[in-house]
Amino acid sequence: MKVIFVNGSSHANGTTMQAVKEMQKIFSAEGVESEVIQLGNQPIRDCIQCGYCGTHDACVFRDDAVNQFTALAKEADGFVFATPVYYAHPSGRILAFLDRAFYSVQNVENPFAFKPGASIAVARRGGTTASFDVLNKYFGISQMPIAGSTYWNISHGLTAEDAAKDREGMQTMRNLARNMVWMMRSFALAKEQGIPYPETEGEAVTNFIQRED
């Protein structure tokens, strides 16, 4: 099994990465492979609603890792989106990245559906739950079961060293990883037993158009 992390921090070994590493320890102990997509400090374009992905099954921008991520997603069994908190909100990098990633696969077989997803928010102090809520929106619209823990998936620290000392935060990450392993194994067993995915309807699309009299 494999889990893909997307780290929305510009720092490869900052506070957010400490939460990621804590989860990776559990995945490794359970024999689950993990890979981190580090968004880094380079600009990431946001979605411009150009419609290219509707006919080409890929995002029009090829200068970052969005298309590589959606290709890797087909083989993954679970996903974790991690972000630092900026003004009580996720980083702009991770939002631009995920907007394009999720929108660009709407017209193909969804590589995210029925796979567990978890979000992580890390801050010095406040804004974690608001950021956590924003990232969970991607799961809810993509038929992804959301993995939880013994507390909201958050940790605190001004520096990487501080974050690693957040005992409850790190405990939350370990329990989150264990819960994801259990979910992925349960889904795999269901698939082996021949239990099909739920039928998905997709014909109805409601648009409210104001007409002139």
Protein backbone atom coordinates (compact mmCIF):
# COMPACT_ATOMS: atom_id res chain seq x y z
CA MET A 1 0.00 0.00 0.00
CA LYS A 2 1.05 3.58 -0.58
CA VAL A 3 0.14 6.98 0.85
CA ILE A 4 0.97 10.25 -0.87
CA PHE A 5 1.59 13.37 1.19
CA VAL A 6 1.38 16.88 -0.21
CA ASN A 7 3.30 19.31 1.99
CA GLY A 8 2.12 22.87 1.38
CA SER A 9 5.00 24.43 3.27
CA SER A 10 7.86 26.24 1.59
CA HIS A 11 10.24 24.62 4.10
CA ALA A 12 11.30 21.05 3.45
CA ASN A 13 11.99 20.40 7.14
CA GLY A 14 9.81 22.93 8.92
CA THR A 15 7.01 22.61 11.44
CA THR A 16 4.60 20.97 8.99
CA MET A 17 7.14 18.31 8.06
CA GLN A 18 7.41 17.21 11.70
CA ALA A 19 3.77 16.10 11.61
CA VAL A 20 4.37 14.34 8.30
CA LYS A 21 7.42 12.52 9.65
CA GLU A 22 5.49 11.31 12.69
CA MET A 23 2.90 9.73 10.43
CA GLN A 24 5.57 8.24 8.20
CA LYS A 25 7.05 6.39 11.19
CA ILE A 26 3.77 4.52 11.67
CA PHE A 27 3.31 3.84 7.97
CA SER A 28 6.83 2.43 7.75
CA ALA A 29 6.29 0.21 10.80
CA GLU A 30 3.06 -1.09 9.22
CA GLY A 31 4.68 -1.81 5.87
CA VAL A 32 2.95 1.07 4.08
CA GLU A 33 5.02 3.04 1.58
CA SER A 34 4.80 6.81 1.65
CA GLU A 35 5.94 9.61 -0.64
CA VAL A 36 6.05 13.34 0.06
CA ILE A 37 5.39 15.89 -2.65
CA GLN A 38 7.11 19.00 -1.30
CA LEU A 39 5.64 22.11 -2.90
CA GLY A 40 8.63 24.24 -1.92
CA ASN A 41 9.09 27.97 -2.40
CA GLN A 42 8.55 28.33 -6.15
CA PRO A 43 5.36 29.97 -7.48
CA ILE A 44 2.46 27.65 -8.28
CA ARG A 45 -0.12 28.84 -10.76
CA ASP A 46 -3.75 28.75 -9.72
CA CYS A 47 -6.60 27.48 -11.88
CA ILE A 48 -7.62 29.93 -14.63
CA GLN A 49 -10.75 28.03 -15.75
CA CYS A 50 -9.38 27.69 -19.28
CA GLY A 51 -11.13 24.36 -19.90
CA TYR A 52 -8.03 22.66 -21.28
CA CYS A 53 -8.30 19.73 -18.86
CA GLY A 54 -11.82 19.03 -20.09
CA THR A 55 -10.50 17.82 -23.44
CA HIS A 56 -6.93 16.80 -22.62
CA ASP A 57 -7.27 15.01 -19.24
CA ALA A 58 -4.43 17.09 -17.79
CA CYS A 59 -3.83 20.63 -16.57
CA VAL A 60 -2.60 23.10 -19.18
CA PHE A 61 0.30 24.21 -16.96
CA ARG A 62 3.24 21.80 -17.10
CA ASP A 63 5.71 23.79 -15.00
CA ASP A 64 5.02 22.15 -11.63
CA ALA A 65 4.00 18.80 -10.12
CA VAL A 66 0.21 18.86 -10.53
CA ASN A 67 0.01 16.48 -13.49
CA GLN A 68 2.64 14.20 -11.97
CA PHE A 69 0.61 14.08 -8.78
CA THR A 70 -2.64 13.13 -10.50
CA ALA A 71 -0.80 10.38 -12.37
CA LEU A 72 0.69 9.03 -9.14
CA ALA A 73 -2.71 9.26 -7.45
CA LYS A 74 -4.02 6.39 -9.58
CA GLU A 75 -1.70 3.97 -7.79
CA ALA A 76 -2.05 5.43 -4.29
CA ASP A 77 -4.27 4.02 -1.54
CA GLY A 78 -4.54 7.14 0.61
CA PHE A 79 -3.68 10.84 0.74
CA VAL A 80 -2.56 13.36 3.35
CA PHE A 81 -2.60 17.10 2.67
CA ALA A 82 -0.50 19.09 5.13
CA THR A 83 -0.26 22.85 5.45
CA PRO A 84 1.22 25.56 7.62
CA VAL A 85 -1.28 28.17 8.76
CA TYR A 86 -1.08 31.68 7.26
CA TYR A 87 -3.60 34.20 8.62
CA ALA A 88 -5.90 31.37 9.80
CA HIS A 89 -5.87 29.81 6.34
CA PRO A 90 -3.92 27.13 4.42
CA SER A 91 -0.96 28.22 2.32
CA GLY A 92 -1.81 29.64 -1.09
CA ARG A 93 0.54 27.08 -2.62
CA ILE A 94 -1.40 24.05 -1.48
CA LEU A 95 -4.76 25.56 -2.42
CA ALA A 96 -3.61 26.45 -5.94
CA PHE A 97 -2.08 22.99 -6.31
CA LEU A 98 -5.13 21.09 -5.08
CA ASP A 99 -7.64 23.25 -7.00
CA ARG A 100 -5.94 22.33 -10.25
CA ALA A 101 -5.30 18.71 -9.30
CA PHE A 102 -8.88 17.92 -8.34
CA TYR A 103 -10.50 19.94 -11.11
CA SER A 104 -8.30 18.48 -13.85
CA VAL A 105 -9.52 14.90 -13.21
CA GLN A 106 -13.24 15.65 -13.30
CA ASN A 107 -13.65 14.23 -16.79
CA VAL A 108 -11.65 11.04 -16.25
CA GLU A 109 -11.89 8.15 -13.82
CA ASN A 110 -11.45 9.84 -10.46
CA PRO A 111 -8.13 8.67 -8.95
CA PHE A 112 -9.18 9.92 -5.49
CA ALA A 113 -12.62 8.34 -5.08
CA PHE A 114 -13.13 5.81 -2.26
CA LYS A 115 -9.59 6.29 -0.95
CA PRO A 116 -9.04 7.70 2.56
CA GLY A 117 -7.91 11.30 2.85
CA ALA A 118 -6.60 13.26 5.81
CA SER A 119 -5.60 16.88 6.27
CA ILE A 120 -3.07 18.34 8.71
CA ALA A 121 -2.72 21.95 9.84
CA VAL A 122 0.26 23.26 11.80
CA ALA A 123 0.50 26.70 13.42
CA ARG A 124 2.31 28.58 16.12
CA ARG A 125 -0.99 29.27 17.81
CA GLY A 126 -4.36 29.93 16.11
CA GLY A 127 -6.10 29.22 12.81
CA THR A 128 -5.55 25.46 12.70
CA THR A 129 -9.17 24.35 12.76
CA ALA A 130 -10.17 26.83 10.05
CA SER A 131 -7.33 25.60 7.82
CA PHE A 132 -8.19 21.98 8.62
CA ASP A 133 -11.77 22.61 7.55
CA VAL A 134 -10.72 24.15 4.21
CA LEU A 135 -8.58 21.17 3.22
CA ASN A 136 -11.31 18.68 4.15
CA LYS A 137 -13.53 20.22 1.46
CA TYR A 138 -11.53 18.44 -1.27
CA PHE A 139 -12.38 15.06 0.22
CA GLY A 140 -16.08 15.77 0.64
CA ILE A 141 -16.65 16.56 -3.03
CA SER A 142 -14.59 13.63 -4.32
CA GLN A 143 -16.20 10.63 -2.59
CA MET A 144 -13.20 10.25 -0.28
CA PRO A 145 -13.70 8.87 3.24
CA ILE A 146 -12.11 11.31 5.70
CA ALA A 147 -9.68 9.89 8.25
CA GLY A 148 -9.81 11.32 11.74
CA SER A 149 -7.81 10.93 14.92
CA THR A 150 -8.15 11.36 18.67
CA TYR A 151 -8.12 15.14 18.20
CA TRP A 152 -8.37 17.35 15.14
CA ASN A 153 -5.34 16.72 12.96
CA ILE A 154 -3.34 19.71 14.15
CA SER A 155 -0.06 20.45 15.90
CA HIS A 156 1.66 23.57 17.16
CA GLY A 157 5.12 25.09 17.10
CA LEU A 158 7.03 28.15 15.97
CA THR A 159 10.04 26.11 14.86
CA ALA A 160 10.54 22.52 13.75
CA GLU A 161 12.09 21.75 17.12
CA ASP A 162 9.05 23.18 18.92
CA ALA A 163 6.60 21.23 16.75
CA ALA A 164 8.35 17.95 17.46
CA LYS A 165 7.85 18.61 21.19
CA ASP A 166 4.07 18.98 20.89
CA ARG A 167 3.33 15.63 22.56
CA GLU A 168 -0.41 15.64 21.96
CA GLY A 169 0.03 16.86 18.39
CA MET A 170 2.48 14.07 17.59
CA GLN A 171 0.22 11.54 19.31
CA THR A 172 -2.64 12.76 17.14
CA MET A 173 -0.52 12.19 14.02
CA ARG A 174 0.42 8.65 15.06
CA ASN A 175 -3.20 7.74 15.75
CA LEU A 176 -4.22 9.31 12.46
CA ALA A 177 -1.71 7.16 10.59
CA ARG A 178 -2.93 4.02 12.35
CA ASN A 179 -6.53 4.87 11.51
CA MET A 180 -5.60 5.37 7.86
CA VAL A 181 -3.82 2.01 7.75
CA TRP A 182 -6.91 0.34 9.18
CA MET A 183 -9.17 2.06 6.66
CA MET A 184 -6.98 1.17 3.68
CA ARG A 185 -6.73 -2.47 4.77
CA SER A 186 -10.48 -2.65 5.32
CA PHE A 187 -11.18 -1.25 1.86
CA ALA A 188 -8.68 -3.65 0.31
CA LEU A 189 -10.35 -6.59 2.07
CA ALA A 190 -13.76 -5.46 0.88
CA LYS A 191 -12.44 -5.34 -2.67
CA GLU A 192 -11.00 -8.85 -2.31
CA GLN A 193 -14.39 -10.06 -1.07
CA GLY A 194 -16.08 -8.72 -4.18
CA ILE A 195 -17.93 -5.85 -2.49
CA PRO A 196 -18.43 -3.27 -5.26
CA TYR A 197 -18.09 0.48 -4.92
CA PRO A 198 -21.40 2.34 -4.57
CA GLU A 199 -23.16 3.29 -7.77
CA THR A 200 -22.47 6.91 -8.62
CA GLU A 201 -24.98 9.13 -10.38
CA GLY A 202 -23.68 12.09 -12.34
CA GLU A 203 -26.33 13.24 -14.78
CA ALA A 204 -27.94 16.05 -12.80
CA VAL A 205 -26.20 19.43 -12.80
CA THR A 206 -28.25 22.34 -11.50
CA ASN A 207 -27.56 25.85 -12.79
CA PHE A 208 -29.82 28.68 -11.77
CA ILE A 209 -30.12 31.14 -14.65
CA GLN A 210 -31.91 34.41 -14.10
CA ARG A 211 -34.11 35.12 -17.09
CA GLU A 212 -35.22 38.53 -18.23
CA ASP A 213 -39.00 39.01 -18.52
